[in-house]
PDB file of N, CA and C in Angstrom:
ATOM      1  N   MET A   1      11.712  31.568 -32.674  1.00  0.00           N
ATOM      2  CA  MET A   1      11.800  30.512 -31.863  1.00  0.00           C
ATOM      3  C   MET A   1      12.307  31.138 -30.243  1.00  0.00           C
ATOM      4  N   ALA A   2      11.480  30.908 -28.963  1.00  0.00           N
ATOM      5  CA  ALA A   2      12.747  31.006 -27.821  1.00  0.00           C
ATOM      6  C   ALA A   2      14.167  30.087 -27.835  1.00  0.00           C
ATOM      7  N   LYS A   3      15.007  30.589 -27.121  1.00  0.00           N
ATOM      8  CA  LYS A   3      16.738  30.590 -27.065  1.00  0.00           C
ATOM      9  C   LYS A   3      16.589  29.473 -25.633  1.00  0.00           C
ATOM     10  N   LYS A   4      17.565  28.564 -25.937  1.00  0.00           N
ATOM     11  CA  LYS A   4      17.171  27.661 -24.688  1.00  0.00           C
ATOM     12  C   LYS A   4      17.749  27.930 -24.080  1.00  0.00           C
ATOM     13  N   HIS A   5      18.258  27.857 -22.518  1.00  0.00           N
ATOM     14  CA  HIS A   5      19.214  27.972 -21.375  1.00  0.00           C
ATOM     15  C   HIS A   5      19.939  27.231 -21.118  1.00  0.00           C
ATOM     16  N   ASP A   6      21.239  27.303 -21.074  1.00  0.00           N
ATOM     17  CA  ASP A   6      21.320  25.906 -20.808  1.00  0.00           C
ATOM     18  C   ASP A   6      21.536  25.206 -19.506  1.00  0.00           C
ATOM     19  N   ASP A   7      20.035  25.915 -18.120  1.00  0.00           N
ATOM     20  CA  ASP A   7      19.680  24.897 -17.158  1.00  0.00           C
ATOM     21  C   ASP A   7      18.662  24.789 -16.968  1.00  0.00           C
ATOM     22  N   GLU A   8      18.011  24.942 -18.456  1.00  0.00           N
ATOM     23  CA  GLU A   8      16.561  24.528 -18.737  1.00  0.00           C
ATOM     24  C   GLU A   8      16.894  22.773 -18.924  1.00  0.00           C
ATOM     25  N   LEU A   9      15.968  22.267 -18.116  1.00  0.00           N
ATOM     26  CA  LEU A   9      15.722  20.538 -18.557  1.00  0.00           C
ATOM     27  C   LEU A   9      15.179  20.180 -19.772  1.00  0.00           C
ATOM     28  N   ASP A  10      15.188  19.256 -20.287  1.00  0.00           N
ATOM     29  CA  ASP A  10      15.050  19.133 -21.768  1.00  0.00           C
ATOM     30  C   ASP A  10      13.454  17.831 -21.397  1.00  0.00           C
ATOM     31  N   ASP A  11      12.459  18.001 -22.312  1.00  0.00           N
ATOM     32  CA  ASP A  11      11.842  17.156 -22.180  1.00  0.00           C
ATOM     33  C   ASP A  11      11.794  15.448 -21.882  1.00  0.00           C
ATOM     34  N   GLU A  12      12.686  15.156 -22.157  1.00  0.00           N
ATOM     35  CA  GLU A  12      13.148  13.334 -21.753  1.00  0.00           C
ATOM     36  C   GLU A  12      13.745  13.271 -20.129  1.00  0.00           C
ATOM     37  N   THR A  13      14.401  14.043 -19.886  1.00  0.00           N
ATOM     38  CA  THR A  13      14.652  14.341 -18.778  1.00  0.00           C
ATOM     39  C   THR A  13      13.689  14.188 -17.991  1.00  0.00           C
ATOM     40  N   LEU A  14      12.619  15.701 -18.236  1.00  0.00           N
ATOM     41  CA  LEU A  14      11.415  16.745 -16.747  1.00  0.00           C
ATOM     42  C   LEU A  14      10.928  14.935 -16.652  1.00  0.00           C
ATOM     43  N   ALA A  15      10.059  14.083 -17.512  1.00  0.00           N
ATOM     44  CA  ALA A  15      10.302  12.494 -17.613  1.00  0.00           C
ATOM     45  C   ALA A  15      10.648  11.399 -16.951  1.00  0.00           C
ATOM     46  N   LEU A  16      11.317  11.533 -17.253  1.00  0.00           N
ATOM     47  CA  LEU A  16      12.296  10.528 -16.540  1.00  0.00           C
ATOM     48  C   LEU A  16      12.719  11.356 -14.918  1.00  0.00           C
ATOM     49  N   LEU A  17      12.575  12.982 -14.516  1.00  0.00           N
ATOM     50  CA  LEU A  17      12.555  12.841 -13.224  1.00  0.00           C
ATOM     51  C   LEU A  17      11.117  12.720 -12.589  1.00  0.00           C
ATOM     52  N   ALA A  18       9.606  12.861 -13.153  1.00  0.00           N
ATOM     53  CA  ALA A  18       8.338  12.568 -12.927  1.00  0.00           C
ATOM     54  C   ALA A  18       8.579  11.114 -12.778  1.00  0.00           C
ATOM     55  N   TRP A  19       9.277  10.628 -13.025  1.00  0.00           N
ATOM     56  CA  TRP A  19       9.294   9.607 -13.181  1.00  0.00           C
ATOM     57  C   TRP A  19       9.176   9.001 -11.748  1.00  0.00           C
ATOM     58  N   CYS A  20      10.739   9.069 -11.839  1.00  0.00           N
ATOM     59  CA  CYS A  20      11.357   8.794 -10.286  1.00  0.00           C
ATOM     60  C   CYS A  20      10.202   9.365  -9.422  1.00  0.00           C
ATOM     61  N   THR A  21       9.672  10.189  -9.182  1.00  0.00           N
ATOM     62  CA  THR A  21       9.058  10.739  -7.876  1.00  0.00           C
ATOM     63  C   THR A  21       7.988  10.023  -7.541  1.00  0.00           C
ATOM     64  N   GLU A  22       7.318   9.106  -9.562  1.00  0.00           N
ATOM     65  CA  GLU A  22       6.833   8.407  -8.969  1.00  0.00           C
ATOM     66  C   GLU A  22       7.203   6.474  -8.645  1.00  0.00           C
ATOM     67  N   VAL A  23       8.521   6.378  -8.675  1.00  0.00           N
ATOM     68  CA  VAL A  23       9.026   5.531  -8.285  1.00  0.00           C
ATOM     69  C   VAL A  23       8.532   5.498  -6.794  1.00  0.00           C
ATOM     70  N   GLU A  24       9.461   6.986  -6.258  1.00  0.00           N
ATOM     71  CA  GLU A  24       9.653   6.810  -4.669  1.00  0.00           C
ATOM     72  C   GLU A  24       8.696   6.866  -3.941  1.00  0.00           C
ATOM     73  N   ALA A  25       7.178   7.360  -4.274  1.00  0.00           N
ATOM     74  CA  ALA A  25       6.005   7.236  -3.861  1.00  0.00           C
ATOM     75  C   ALA A  25       5.687   5.913  -4.209  1.00  0.00           C
ATOM     76  N   HIS A  26       5.913   5.323  -4.395  1.00  0.00           N
ATOM     77  CA  HIS A  26       5.251   3.321  -4.871  1.00  0.00           C
ATOM     78  C   HIS A  26       6.561   2.994  -3.382  1.00  0.00           C
ATOM     79  N   LEU A  27       7.600   3.384  -3.064  1.00  0.00           N
ATOM     80  CA  LEU A  27       8.875   3.090  -2.418  1.00  0.00           C
ATOM     81  C   LEU A  27       7.801   3.892  -0.564  1.00  0.00           C
ATOM     82  N   VAL A  28       7.624   4.397  -1.223  1.00  0.00           N
ATOM     83  CA  VAL A  28       7.433   4.749   0.161  1.00  0.00           C
ATOM     84  C   VAL A  28       6.293   3.957   0.662  1.00  0.00           C
ATOM     85  N   ALA A  29       5.258   4.017  -0.156  1.00  0.00           N
ATOM     86  CA  ALA A  29       3.504   3.278   0.229  1.00  0.00           C
ATOM     87  C   ALA A  29       4.850   1.770   0.818  1.00  0.00           C
ATOM     88  N   ALA A  30       5.680   0.864   0.349  1.00  0.00           N
ATOM     89  CA  ALA A  30       5.713  -0.148   0.947  1.00  0.00           C
ATOM     90  C   ALA A  30       6.523  -0.077   2.123  1.00  0.00           C
ATOM     91  N   GLY A  31       6.700   1.377   2.765  1.00  0.00           N
ATOM     92  CA  GLY A  31       6.982   1.039   4.006  1.00  0.00           C
ATOM     93  C   GLY A  31       8.023   2.245   4.280  1.00  0.00           C
ATOM     94  N   ALA A  32       8.930   2.498   3.063  1.00  0.00           N
ATOM     95  CA  ALA A  32      11.118   3.180   2.973  1.00  0.00           C
ATOM     96  C   ALA A  32       9.894   4.249   3.709  1.00  0.00           C
ATOM     97  N   ARG A  33      11.208   5.031   4.113  1.00  0.00           N
ATOM     98  CA  ARG A  33      11.290   6.817   4.601  1.00  0.00           C
ATOM     99  C   ARG A  33      11.472   7.642   2.507  1.00  0.00           C
ATOM    100  N   ILE A  34      10.966   8.613   3.338  1.00  0.00           N
ATOM    101  CA  ILE A  34      11.469   9.079   2.449  1.00  0.00           C
ATOM    102  C   ILE A  34      12.114   9.276   1.324  1.00  0.00           C
ATOM    103  N   GLU A  35      13.405   9.804   2.855  1.00  0.00           N
ATOM    104  CA  GLU A  35      14.956   9.535   2.639  1.00  0.00           C
ATOM    105  C   GLU A  35      15.500   8.718   1.885  1.00  0.00           C
ATOM    106  N   GLU A  36      15.205   7.589   2.709  1.00  0.00           N
ATOM    107  CA  GLU A  36      15.678   6.762   1.909  1.00  0.00           C
ATOM    108  C   GLU A  36      15.504   6.348   0.891  1.00  0.00           C
ATOM    109  N   ALA A  37      14.274   6.584   0.429  1.00  0.00           N
ATOM    110  CA  ALA A  37      13.284   6.085  -1.062  1.00  0.00           C
ATOM    111  C   ALA A  37      14.360   7.005  -1.871  1.00  0.00           C
ATOM    112  N   GLN A  38      14.656   8.595  -2.041  1.00  0.00           N
ATOM    113  CA  GLN A  38      15.363   9.147  -2.371  1.00  0.00           C
ATOM    114  C   GLN A  38      17.434   8.700  -2.895  1.00  0.00           C
ATOM    115  N   ASP A  39      17.727   8.289  -1.513  1.00  0.00           N
ATOM    116  CA  ASP A  39      19.242   7.981  -1.511  1.00  0.00           C
ATOM    117  C   ASP A  39      19.657   7.011  -2.355  1.00  0.00           C
ATOM    118  N   HIS A  40      17.696   5.707  -2.577  1.00  0.00           N
ATOM    119  CA  HIS A  40      18.370   4.211  -2.875  1.00  0.00           C
ATOM    120  C   HIS A  40      18.230   4.964  -4.502  1.00  0.00           C
ATOM    121  N   ILE A  41      16.966   5.734  -4.773  1.00  0.00           N
ATOM    122  CA  ILE A  41      17.457   5.983  -6.424  1.00  0.00           C
ATOM    123  C   ILE A  41      18.198   6.885  -6.168  1.00  0.00           C
ATOM    124  N   GLU A  42      19.391   7.966  -5.970  1.00  0.00           N
ATOM    125  CA  GLU A  42      20.018   8.273  -6.263  1.00  0.00           C
ATOM    126  C   GLU A  42      20.866   7.903  -6.632  1.00  0.00           C
ATOM    127  N   GLU A  43      21.122   6.609  -5.769  1.00  0.00           N
ATOM    128  CA  GLU A  43      22.556   5.731  -5.978  1.00  0.00           C
ATOM    129  C   GLU A  43      22.417   4.856  -6.727  1.00  0.00           C
ATOM    130  N   GLN A  44      21.339   4.492  -6.869  1.00  0.00           N
ATOM    131  CA  GLN A  44      20.496   3.636  -7.951  1.00  0.00           C
ATOM    132  C   GLN A  44      20.101   4.323  -9.466  1.00  0.00           C
ATOM    133  N   ALA A  45      20.878   4.876  -9.642  1.00  0.00           N
ATOM    134  CA  ALA A  45      20.300   6.104 -10.624  1.00  0.00           C
ATOM    135  C   ALA A  45      20.351   5.783 -11.817  1.00  0.00           C
ATOM    136  N   GLU A  46      21.418   5.217 -12.893  1.00  0.00           N
ATOM    137  CA  GLU A  46      21.902   4.282 -13.819  1.00  0.00           C
ATOM    138  C   GLU A  46      21.028   2.591 -14.346  1.00  0.00           C
ATOM    139  N   TRP A  47      20.455   2.443 -13.064  1.00  0.00           N
ATOM    140  CA  TRP A  47      20.128   0.991 -13.343  1.00  0.00           C
ATOM    141  C   TRP A  47      18.575   1.445 -13.460  1.00  0.00           C
ATOM    142  N   TYR A  48      17.464   2.600 -12.246  1.00  0.00           N
ATOM    143  CA  TYR A  48      16.062   3.221 -12.305  1.00  0.00           C
ATOM    144  C   TYR A  48      16.316   4.237 -14.374  1.00  0.00           C
ATOM    145  N   THR A  49      17.020   4.807 -14.566  1.00  0.00           N
ATOM    146  CA  THR A  49      17.377   4.992 -15.820  1.00  0.00           C
ATOM    147  C   THR A  49      16.854   4.378 -17.484  1.00  0.00           C
ATOM    148  N   ASP A  50      17.872   3.010 -17.035  1.00  0.00           N
ATOM    149  CA  ASP A  50      17.934   1.981 -17.360  1.00  0.00           C
ATOM    150  C   ASP A  50      16.356   1.486 -17.926  1.00  0.00           C
ATOM    151  N   MET A  51      15.970   1.298 -17.014  1.00  0.00           N
ATOM    152  CA  MET A  51      14.464   0.398 -15.904  1.00  0.00           C
ATOM    153  C   MET A  51      13.099   1.964 -16.775  1.00  0.00           C
ATOM    154  N   PHE A  52      13.880   2.894 -16.749  1.00  0.00           N
ATOM    155  CA  PHE A  52      12.828   4.064 -17.033  1.00  0.00           C
ATOM    156  C   PHE A  52      12.367   3.874 -18.398  1.00  0.00           C
ATOM    157  N   TYR A  53      13.762   3.408 -20.075  1.00  0.00           N
ATOM    158  CA  TYR A  53      14.112   3.284 -21.196  1.00  0.00           C
ATOM    159  C   TYR A  53      13.388   2.278 -21.547  1.00  0.00           C
ATOM    160  N   ASP A  54      13.975   1.244 -20.665  1.00  0.00           N
ATOM    161  CA  ASP A  54      13.043  -0.348 -20.794  1.00  0.00           C
ATOM    162  C   ASP A  54      11.759  -0.637 -20.887  1.00  0.00           C
ATOM    163  N   GLY A  55      10.893   0.719 -20.485  1.00  0.00           N
ATOM    164  CA  GLY A  55       9.184   1.339 -20.063  1.00  0.00           C
ATOM    165  C   GLY A  55       8.728   0.016 -19.237  1.00  0.00           C
ATOM    166  N   LEU A  56       9.523   0.055 -18.220  1.00  0.00           N
ATOM    167  CA  LEU A  56       8.842  -0.197 -17.056  1.00  0.00           C
ATOM    168  C   LEU A  56       8.428   1.568 -16.419  1.00  0.00           C
ATOM    169  N   SER A  57       6.477   0.344 -15.568  1.00  0.00           N
ATOM    170  CA  SER A  57       5.944   1.432 -15.060  1.00  0.00           C
ATOM    171  C   SER A  57       7.308   1.984 -13.636  1.00  0.00           C
ATOM    172  N   PRO A  58       6.150   2.589 -13.210  1.00  0.00           N
ATOM    173  CA  PRO A  58       6.955   3.199 -11.594  1.00  0.00           C
ATOM    174  C   PRO A  58       7.160   2.395 -10.406  1.00  0.00           C
ATOM    175  N   ALA A  59       5.024   1.475 -11.085  1.00  0.00           N
ATOM    176  CA  ALA A  59       5.103   0.988  -9.760  1.00  0.00           C
ATOM    177  C   ALA A  59       5.930  -0.464  -9.996  1.00  0.00           C
ATOM    178  N   GLU A  60       6.088  -1.198 -11.623  1.00  0.00           N
ATOM    179  CA  GLU A  60       7.328  -2.630 -11.601  1.00  0.00           C
ATOM    180  C   GLU A  60       8.734  -2.094 -11.813  1.00  0.00           C
ATOM    181  N   ALA A  61       9.133  -0.617 -11.433  1.00  0.00           N
ATOM    182  CA  ALA A  61      10.580  -1.149 -10.883  1.00  0.00           C
ATOM    183  C   ALA A  61      10.762  -0.741  -9.817  1.00  0.00           C
ATOM    184  N   ALA A  62       9.700  -0.519  -8.991  1.00  0.00           N
ATOM    185  CA  ALA A  62       9.954  -0.308  -7.536  1.00  0.00           C
ATOM    186  C   ALA A  62       9.560  -1.649  -6.525  1.00  0.00           C
ATOM    187  N   LYS A  63       9.186  -2.155  -7.592  1.00  0.00           N
ATOM    188  CA  LYS A  63       8.589  -3.982  -7.015  1.00  0.00           C
ATOM    189  C   LYS A  63      10.399  -5.043  -7.884  1.00  0.00           C
ATOM    190  N   GLN A  64      10.745  -4.652  -8.538  1.00  0.00           N
ATOM    191  CA  GLN A  64      11.604  -5.101  -8.301  1.00  0.00           C
ATOM    192  C   GLN A  64      12.887  -4.324  -7.706  1.00  0.00           C
ATOM    193  N   ALA A  65      13.332  -2.985  -7.023  1.00  0.00           N
ATOM    194  CA  ALA A  65      14.159  -2.826  -6.229  1.00  0.00           C
ATOM    195  C   ALA A  65      13.398  -3.337  -4.929  1.00  0.00           C
ATOM    196  N   LEU A  66      12.360  -3.654  -4.518  1.00  0.00           N
ATOM    197  CA  LEU A  66      12.131  -4.216  -3.351  1.00  0.00           C
ATOM    198  C   LEU A  66      12.404  -5.962  -3.234  1.00  0.00           C
ATOM    199  N   ALA A  67      12.410  -6.549  -4.877  1.00  0.00           N
ATOM    200  CA  ALA A  67      12.201  -8.038  -4.600  1.00  0.00           C
ATOM    201  C   ALA A  67      13.888  -8.415  -4.314  1.00  0.00           C
TER     202      ALA A  67
END
């Protein structure tokens, strides 16, 4: 088995990052600038992580962010 390097991300982290990228796309589609959406997700990382683990779709998470 290949040794995992410390700088490699696990599958769960990769899934969370992909999910956040989709949330970002929904925020941009709703009118946010890319930079605004990215900054918001970074600033609210814990909140978005909770939504990810709670099973919300990216569209549902973006809708909550815009509410």
